[in-house]
Amino acid sequence: SYQKLQEAVALTAGFLVEISFSLKQERSLILTRNRTIIDLVAELYGSIDDQLDFFINSNNLSGSEILEVPKGREIVYYS
């Protein structure tokens, strides 16, 4: 049973290493002016529908920041 467990761990580790090469790189920027979240997501990702919730969660945006992200706020995105 130890050999089966070792094989499973080795396969999982290999899969994680393989998938890590295809992950998108995290980037950050500091806003130079107030921006709406729709404008930011469209500019950074090219599409709003698929990325809006991910963007909000990735940046831990508060209720007021969802309406307008303030100047000086650091934003992370993936490309």
C-alpha atoms as a PDB file:
ATOM      1  CA  SER A   1       0.000   0.000   0.000  1.00  0.00           C
ATOM      2  CA  TYR A   2       2.977   2.332   0.612  1.00  0.00           C
ATOM      3  CA  GLN A   3       4.073   1.935  -3.002  1.00  0.00           C
ATOM      4  CA  LYS A   4       0.595   2.880  -4.296  1.00  0.00           C
ATOM      5  CA  LEU A   5       0.594   5.960  -2.052  1.00  0.00           C
ATOM      6  CA  GLN A   6       4.063   6.933  -3.249  1.00  0.00           C
ATOM      7  CA  GLU A   7       2.952   6.575  -6.884  1.00  0.00           C
ATOM      8  CA  ALA A   8      -0.109   8.745  -6.245  1.00  0.00           C
ATOM      9  CA  VAL A   9       2.015  11.442  -4.598  1.00  0.00           C
ATOM     10  CA  ALA A  10       4.542  11.367  -7.450  1.00  0.00           C
ATOM     11  CA  LEU A  11       1.801  11.643 -10.082  1.00  0.00           C
ATOM     12  CA  THR A  12       0.156  14.520  -8.219  1.00  0.00           C
ATOM     13  CA  ALA A  13       3.448  16.378  -7.801  1.00  0.00           C
ATOM     14  CA  GLY A  14       4.234  15.903 -11.494  1.00  0.00           C
ATOM     15  CA  PHE A  15       0.801  17.190 -12.458  1.00  0.00           C
ATOM     16  CA  LEU A  16       1.202  20.281 -10.252  1.00  0.00           C
ATOM     17  CA  VAL A  17       4.598  21.088 -11.737  1.00  0.00           C
ATOM     18  CA  GLU A  18       3.259  20.624 -15.270  1.00  0.00           C
ATOM     19  CA  ILE A  19       0.223  22.837 -14.697  1.00  0.00           C
ATOM     20  CA  SER A  20       2.318  25.552 -13.022  1.00  0.00           C
ATOM     21  CA  PHE A  21       3.974  26.324 -16.354  1.00  0.00           C
ATOM     22  CA  SER A  22       0.648  27.274 -17.918  1.00  0.00           C
ATOM     23  CA  LEU A  23      -0.585  29.553 -15.121  1.00  0.00           C
ATOM     24  CA  LYS A  24      -1.054  33.235 -15.840  1.00  0.00           C
ATOM     25  CA  GLN A  25       1.411  35.622 -14.248  1.00  0.00           C
ATOM     26  CA  GLU A  26       0.198  37.930 -11.484  1.00  0.00           C
ATOM     27  CA  ARG A  27       0.799  41.602 -12.199  1.00  0.00           C
ATOM     28  CA  SER A  28      -0.032  44.690 -10.203  1.00  0.00           C
ATOM     29  CA  LEU A  29      -0.536  48.360 -10.865  1.00  0.00           C
ATOM     30  CA  ILE A  30      -1.382  51.437  -8.857  1.00  0.00           C
ATOM     31  CA  LEU A  31      -4.220  53.484 -10.269  1.00  0.00           C
ATOM     32  CA  THR A  32      -3.330  57.035 -11.291  1.00  0.00           C
ATOM     33  CA  ARG A  33      -6.973  58.144 -11.357  1.00  0.00           C
ATOM     34  CA  ASN A  34     -10.374  56.973 -10.182  1.00  0.00           C
ATOM     35  CA  ARG A  35     -11.705  54.185 -12.416  1.00  0.00           C
ATOM     36  CA  THR A  36     -14.866  52.159 -12.701  1.00  0.00           C
ATOM     37  CA  ILE A  37     -14.480  48.437 -12.299  1.00  0.00           C
ATOM     38  CA  ILE A  38     -16.112  47.847 -15.711  1.00  0.00           C
ATOM     39  CA  ASP A  39     -13.469  50.001 -17.444  1.00  0.00           C
ATOM     40  CA  LEU A  40     -10.640  48.292 -15.574  1.00  0.00           C
ATOM     41  CA  VAL A  41     -11.784  44.753 -16.295  1.00  0.00           C
ATOM     42  CA  ALA A  42     -12.422  45.529 -19.965  1.00  0.00           C
ATOM     43  CA  GLU A  43      -8.992  47.131 -20.320  1.00  0.00           C
ATOM     44  CA  LEU A  44      -7.080  44.423 -18.455  1.00  0.00           C
ATOM     45  CA  TYR A  45      -8.881  41.302 -19.691  1.00  0.00           C
ATOM     46  CA  GLY A  46     -10.635  42.385 -22.887  1.00  0.00           C
ATOM     47  CA  SER A  47     -13.902  40.891 -21.652  1.00  0.00           C
ATOM     48  CA  ILE A  48     -16.161  41.799 -18.763  1.00  0.00           C
ATOM     49  CA  ASP A  49     -18.552  38.861 -18.424  1.00  0.00           C
ATOM     50  CA  ASP A  50     -16.045  36.150 -17.625  1.00  0.00           C
ATOM     51  CA  GLN A  51     -13.718  38.134 -15.378  1.00  0.00           C
ATOM     52  CA  LEU A  52     -15.766  40.561 -13.262  1.00  0.00           C
ATOM     53  CA  ASP A  53     -16.355  38.340 -10.210  1.00  0.00           C
ATOM     54  CA  PHE A  54     -12.779  37.026 -10.367  1.00  0.00           C
ATOM     55  CA  PHE A  55     -11.435  40.600 -10.434  1.00  0.00           C
ATOM     56  CA  ILE A  56     -13.567  41.660  -7.447  1.00  0.00           C
ATOM     57  CA  ASN A  57     -12.484  38.640  -5.401  1.00  0.00           C
ATOM     58  CA  SER A  58      -8.814  38.875  -6.401  1.00  0.00           C
ATOM     59  CA  ASN A  59      -8.643  42.469  -5.204  1.00  0.00           C
ATOM     60  CA  ASN A  60     -10.938  42.183  -2.161  1.00  0.00           C
ATOM     61  CA  LEU A  61     -12.902  45.197  -3.348  1.00  0.00           C
ATOM     62  CA  SER A  62     -15.265  46.775  -0.817  1.00  0.00           C
ATOM     63  CA  GLY A  63     -18.804  47.849  -1.655  1.00  0.00           C
ATOM     64  CA  SER A  64     -17.837  51.435  -2.464  1.00  0.00           C
ATOM     65  CA  GLU A  65     -14.825  50.306  -4.509  1.00  0.00           C
ATOM     66  CA  ILE A  66     -17.083  48.202  -6.724  1.00  0.00           C
ATOM     67  CA  LEU A  67     -18.725  51.411  -7.923  1.00  0.00           C
ATOM     68  CA  GLU A  68     -15.467  53.329  -8.340  1.00  0.00           C
ATOM     69  CA  VAL A  69     -11.938  52.184  -7.570  1.00  0.00           C
ATOM     70  CA  PRO A  70     -10.055  55.139  -6.055  1.00  0.00           C
ATOM     71  CA  LYS A  71      -6.817  56.671  -7.270  1.00  0.00           C
ATOM     72  CA  GLY A  72      -3.774  55.175  -5.521  1.00  0.00           C
ATOM     73  CA  ARG A  73      -5.351  51.727  -5.029  1.00  0.00           C
ATOM     74  CA  GLU A  74      -3.100  48.799  -5.927  1.00  0.00           C
ATOM     75  CA  ILE A  75      -4.804  46.369  -8.283  1.00  0.00           C
ATOM     76  CA  VAL A  76      -3.691  42.834  -9.136  1.00  0.00           C
ATOM     77  CA  TYR A  77      -4.561  41.105 -12.384  1.00  0.00           C
ATOM     78  CA  TYR A  78      -3.433  38.041 -14.267  1.00  0.00           C
ATOM     79  CA  SER A  79      -2.081  37.902 -17.807  1.00  0.00           C
END
